[in-house]
C-alpha atoms as a PDB file:
ATOM      1  CA  MET A   1      29.930 -11.049 -33.607  1.00  0.00           C
ATOM      2  CA  SER A   2      28.947 -13.805 -35.990  1.00  0.00           C
ATOM      3  CA  TYR A   3      25.315 -14.888 -36.104  1.00  0.00           C
ATOM      4  CA  GLY A   4      25.758 -17.751 -38.549  1.00  0.00           C
ATOM      5  CA  LYS A   5      27.681 -20.984 -38.184  1.00  0.00           C
ATOM      6  CA  PHE A   6      31.249 -21.234 -39.433  1.00  0.00           C
ATOM      7  CA  GLY A   7      31.322 -23.130 -42.711  1.00  0.00           C
ATOM      8  CA  SER A   8      27.706 -22.424 -43.609  1.00  0.00           C
ATOM      9  CA  THR A   9      26.848 -21.920 -47.264  1.00  0.00           C
ATOM     10  CA  LEU A  10      25.093 -19.045 -48.987  1.00  0.00           C
ATOM     11  CA  VAL A  11      21.880 -21.071 -49.124  1.00  0.00           C
ATOM     12  CA  ASP A  12      22.206 -21.780 -45.373  1.00  0.00           C
ATOM     13  CA  GLU A  13      22.598 -18.101 -44.551  1.00  0.00           C
ATOM     14  CA  LEU A  14      19.784 -16.927 -46.822  1.00  0.00           C
ATOM     15  CA  ASN A  15      17.478 -19.494 -45.238  1.00  0.00           C
ATOM     16  CA  ARG A  16      18.561 -18.369 -41.758  1.00  0.00           C
ATOM     17  CA  LEU A  17      17.804 -14.755 -42.591  1.00  0.00           C
ATOM     18  CA  ALA A  18      14.511 -15.667 -44.263  1.00  0.00           C
ATOM     19  CA  ASN A  19      13.603 -17.552 -41.090  1.00  0.00           C
ATOM     20  CA  GLY A  20      14.195 -14.584 -38.794  1.00  0.00           C
ATOM     21  CA  GLY A  21      17.758 -15.406 -37.766  1.00  0.00           C
ATOM     22  CA  THR A  22      17.613 -19.128 -37.017  1.00  0.00           C
ATOM     23  CA  TYR A  23      18.278 -21.995 -39.381  1.00  0.00           C
ATOM     24  CA  PRO A  24      15.079 -23.792 -40.388  1.00  0.00           C
ATOM     25  CA  PRO A  25      14.946 -27.580 -40.586  1.00  0.00           C
ATOM     26  CA  ARG A  26      16.700 -28.794 -43.761  1.00  0.00           C
ATOM     27  CA  ALA A  27      13.379 -30.159 -45.045  1.00  0.00           C
ATOM     28  CA  ASP A  28      12.082 -26.570 -45.111  1.00  0.00           C
ATOM     29  CA  TYR A  29      15.069 -25.053 -46.943  1.00  0.00           C
ATOM     30  CA  LYS A  30      14.426 -22.942 -50.031  1.00  0.00           C
ATOM     31  CA  ASP A  31      16.862 -22.446 -52.911  1.00  0.00           C
ATOM     32  CA  THR A  32      18.881 -19.222 -52.936  1.00  0.00           C
ATOM     33  CA  ALA A  33      16.395 -17.185 -54.977  1.00  0.00           C
ATOM     34  CA  ALA A  34      13.364 -18.304 -52.955  1.00  0.00           C
ATOM     35  CA  ALA A  35      15.185 -17.759 -49.645  1.00  0.00           C
ATOM     36  CA  ALA A  36      16.321 -14.280 -50.701  1.00  0.00           C
ATOM     37  CA  LYS A  37      12.743 -13.454 -51.701  1.00  0.00           C
ATOM     38  CA  ALA A  38      11.401 -14.783 -48.380  1.00  0.00           C
ATOM     39  CA  TRP A  39      13.970 -12.645 -46.515  1.00  0.00           C
ATOM     40  CA  ALA A  40      12.924  -9.569 -48.498  1.00  0.00           C
ATOM     41  CA  ILE A  41       9.230 -10.207 -47.853  1.00  0.00           C
ATOM     42  CA  ARG A  42       9.910 -10.719 -44.131  1.00  0.00           C
ATOM     43  CA  LYS A  43      11.653  -7.330 -44.124  1.00  0.00           C
ATOM     44  CA  GLY A  44       8.709  -5.709 -45.934  1.00  0.00           C
ATOM     45  CA  VAL A  45      10.626  -5.051 -49.169  1.00  0.00           C
ATOM     46  CA  VAL A  46       8.432  -4.635 -52.239  1.00  0.00           C
ATOM     47  CA  LEU A  47      10.121  -6.547 -55.043  1.00  0.00           C
ATOM     48  CA  GLY A  48       7.873  -5.972 -58.020  1.00  0.00           C
ATOM     49  CA  LYS A  49       9.148  -8.156 -60.859  1.00  0.00           C
ATOM     50  CA  VAL A  50      12.624  -8.753 -59.434  1.00  0.00           C
ATOM     51  CA  THR A  51      13.116 -12.464 -58.804  1.00  0.00           C
ATOM     52  CA  ASP A  52      16.844 -13.190 -59.190  1.00  0.00           C
ATOM     53  CA  THR A  53      18.917 -13.705 -56.060  1.00  0.00           C
ATOM     54  CA  VAL A  54      21.333 -10.824 -56.659  1.00  0.00           C
ATOM     55  CA  GLY A  55      18.566  -8.410 -57.626  1.00  0.00           C
ATOM     56  CA  VAL A  56      16.465  -9.310 -54.587  1.00  0.00           C
ATOM     57  CA  ILE A  57      19.396  -8.882 -52.190  1.00  0.00           C
ATOM     58  CA  ASN A  58      20.163  -5.494 -53.749  1.00  0.00           C
ATOM     59  CA  TYR A  59      16.513  -4.522 -53.217  1.00  0.00           C
ATOM     60  CA  ILE A  60      16.858  -5.526 -49.550  1.00  0.00           C
ATOM     61  CA  ASN A  61      19.558  -2.857 -49.331  1.00  0.00           C
ATOM     62  CA  ASN A  62      17.378  -0.394 -51.290  1.00  0.00           C
ATOM     63  CA  ILE A  63      19.452  -0.518 -54.479  1.00  0.00           C
ATOM     64  CA  LYS A  64      16.794  -0.734 -57.174  1.00  0.00           C
ATOM     65  CA  ASN A  65      18.489   0.565 -60.317  1.00  0.00           C
ATOM     66  CA  ARG A  66      20.125  -2.328 -62.213  1.00  0.00           C
ATOM     67  CA  ASN A  67      23.036  -0.067 -63.189  1.00  0.00           C
ATOM     68  CA  ASP A  68      23.826   0.578 -59.514  1.00  0.00           C
ATOM     69  CA  MET A  69      23.442  -3.001 -58.282  1.00  0.00           C
ATOM     70  CA  LEU A  70      26.401  -4.780 -56.745  1.00  0.00           C
ATOM     71  CA  ASP A  71      27.417  -8.370 -57.434  1.00  0.00           C
ATOM     72  CA  ILE A  72      26.587 -11.051 -54.870  1.00  0.00           C
ATOM     73  CA  ALA A  73      29.794 -10.584 -52.857  1.00  0.00           C
ATOM     74  CA  GLY A  74      29.517  -6.798 -52.961  1.00  0.00           C
ATOM     75  CA  ILE A  75      25.907  -6.613 -51.810  1.00  0.00           C
ATOM     76  CA  CYS A  76      26.355  -9.218 -49.056  1.00  0.00           C
ATOM     77  CA  ASN A  77      29.384  -7.320 -47.727  1.00  0.00           C
ATOM     78  CA  LYS A  78      27.515  -4.000 -47.946  1.00  0.00           C
ATOM     79  CA  ILE A  79      24.568  -5.359 -45.954  1.00  0.00           C
ATOM     80  CA  ALA A  80      26.912  -6.901 -43.385  1.00  0.00           C
ATOM     81  CA  GLY A  81      29.148  -3.843 -43.118  1.00  0.00           C
ATOM     82  CA  THR A  82      32.150  -5.959 -44.055  1.00  0.00           C
ATOM     83  CA  THR A  83      34.622  -5.965 -46.933  1.00  0.00           C
ATOM     84  CA  GLY A  84      36.334  -8.696 -48.884  1.00  0.00           C
ATOM     85  CA  LEU A  85      34.382 -11.632 -47.487  1.00  0.00           C
ATOM     86  CA  GLU A  86      32.736 -14.337 -49.541  1.00  0.00           C
ATOM     87  CA  PRO A  87      28.915 -13.931 -49.622  1.00  0.00           C
ATOM     88  CA  ALA A  88      28.128 -16.623 -47.038  1.00  0.00           C
ATOM     89  CA  ALA A  89      30.811 -15.321 -44.663  1.00  0.00           C
ATOM     90  CA  ALA A  90      29.462 -11.802 -44.957  1.00  0.00           C
ATOM     91  CA  LEU A  91      25.865 -12.871 -44.299  1.00  0.00           C
ATOM     92  CA  ARG A  92      26.985 -14.776 -41.178  1.00  0.00           C
ATOM     93  CA  GLU A  93      27.571 -11.303 -39.728  1.00  0.00           C
ATOM     94  CA  VAL A  94      23.947 -10.222 -40.270  1.00  0.00           C
ATOM     95  CA  ALA A  95      21.574 -10.709 -37.323  1.00  0.00           C
ATOM     96  CA  ASN A  96      18.389 -10.998 -39.349  1.00  0.00           C
END
């Protein structure tokens, strides 16, 4: 089951997840890093000094060692339980 809209972008999906599973009004959109951080905070993830999009999304999945972190496609697919999808497509499969 897909929770996101077909054709949505990575920034769309991160904003949807940061907003609890629904897309916020475009005027309220955050950039990818800010949306990832908002999603992490909503999930109660303590980020410390991590601020980059890929690092934050890895923290959401409890991967905190930089040597173990996955790239953006890898971590989005891991969170979604999918393989081989582009990041936005993978995150469309995540409820919130």
